[in-house]
Amino acid sequence: MMDRKMKLGYTQTDFLGNWKLSDMFTEFANIATAHATSFGGWDPKYIDQYGWVIAKMRVKVHQPIHMDDEVTLRTWITQGSA
């Protein structure tokens, strides 16, 4: 499992101060890549040869997320599905 805490700034939010979904999913991809790299599941030297896929994603948003909020992103590996 990997956790990443981050405080949202103005570049990550829209004109109402809400976390932009496009930025949220970019951060999900970034933490997934960092996690895969940490256990050897991905290496940048393979970029022209292989790829990997985020097969499933679950997003739980319990309340609106705004500029200056601190959020924790978490990723983990489970047994693959057939």
Protein backbone atom coordinates (compact mmCIF):
# COMPACT_ATOMS: atom_id res chain seq x y z
CA MET A 1 0.00 0.00 0.00
CA MET A 2 1.17 3.53 -0.68
CA ASP A 3 -0.22 6.77 0.74
CA ARG A 4 0.47 10.29 -0.44
CA LYS A 5 -0.71 13.36 1.43
CA MET A 6 -1.03 16.62 -0.42
CA LYS A 7 -2.41 20.09 0.17
CA LEU A 8 -4.44 21.46 -2.72
CA GLY A 9 -3.38 24.72 -4.27
CA TYR A 10 -5.06 27.13 -6.63
CA THR A 11 -3.75 25.39 -9.77
CA GLN A 12 -5.57 22.20 -8.80
CA THR A 13 -8.95 23.80 -8.23
CA ASP A 14 -11.58 25.44 -10.38
CA PHE A 15 -12.95 28.98 -10.13
CA LEU A 16 -15.19 27.92 -7.21
CA GLY A 17 -12.22 26.45 -5.32
CA ASN A 18 -13.26 22.79 -5.87
CA TRP A 19 -10.69 20.14 -6.75
CA LYS A 20 -10.85 19.65 -10.53
CA LEU A 21 -11.69 16.07 -11.51
CA SER A 22 -9.06 16.18 -14.27
CA ASP A 23 -6.39 16.99 -11.69
CA MET A 24 -7.74 14.39 -9.26
CA PHE A 25 -7.39 11.60 -11.83
CA THR A 26 -3.93 12.84 -12.85
CA GLU A 27 -2.86 12.51 -9.21
CA PHE A 28 -4.36 8.99 -9.09
CA ALA A 29 -2.25 8.00 -12.10
CA ASN A 30 0.84 9.57 -10.54
CA ILE A 31 0.52 7.66 -7.26
CA ALA A 32 -0.26 4.42 -9.11
CA THR A 33 2.92 4.84 -11.18
CA ALA A 34 5.00 5.63 -8.09
CA HIS A 35 3.59 2.56 -6.34
CA ALA A 36 4.27 0.29 -9.32
CA THR A 37 7.83 1.64 -9.53
CA SER A 38 8.40 1.05 -5.80
CA PHE A 39 7.90 -2.73 -6.07
CA GLY A 40 9.48 -3.22 -9.51
CA GLY A 41 6.22 -3.46 -11.43
CA TRP A 42 7.25 -0.58 -13.65
CA ASP A 43 10.56 0.87 -14.79
CA PRO A 44 10.90 3.90 -17.09
CA LYS A 45 13.40 1.99 -19.26
CA TYR A 46 10.45 -0.13 -20.50
CA ILE A 47 8.45 2.87 -21.74
CA ASP A 48 8.85 1.95 -25.42
CA GLN A 49 8.29 -1.77 -24.87
CA TYR A 50 5.64 -2.41 -22.23
CA GLY A 51 2.77 -0.78 -20.47
CA TRP A 52 0.56 -1.43 -17.51
CA VAL A 53 -3.06 -0.76 -16.80
CA ILE A 54 -4.97 0.47 -13.80
CA ALA A 55 -7.64 -2.18 -14.01
CA LYS A 56 -10.00 -0.91 -11.35
CA MET A 57 -10.38 2.33 -9.51
CA ARG A 58 -12.62 3.16 -6.58
CA VAL A 59 -13.16 6.76 -5.57
CA LYS A 60 -14.80 7.70 -2.30
CA VAL A 61 -15.46 11.38 -1.77
CA HIS A 62 -17.09 11.93 1.58
CA GLN A 63 -17.35 15.71 1.33
CA PRO A 64 -16.47 18.48 -1.12
CA ILE A 65 -12.72 18.97 -1.57
CA HIS A 66 -11.51 22.56 -1.75
CA MET A 67 -8.37 24.63 -2.17
CA ASP A 68 -6.11 24.45 0.92
CA ASP A 69 -7.64 21.08 1.97
CA GLU A 70 -5.20 18.30 2.75
CA VAL A 71 -6.07 15.00 1.10
CA THR A 72 -4.62 11.51 1.34
CA LEU A 73 -4.43 9.35 -1.77
CA ARG A 74 -4.01 5.61 -1.24
CA THR A 75 -3.24 2.84 -3.66
CA TRP A 76 -2.87 -0.90 -3.09
CA ILE A 77 -2.49 -4.11 -5.01
CA THR A 78 -4.98 -6.95 -4.93
CA GLN A 79 -5.16 -10.32 -6.56
CA GLY A 80 -5.93 -9.86 -10.25
CA SER A 81 -9.27 -10.91 -11.62
CA ALA A 82 -9.74 -13.40 -14.40
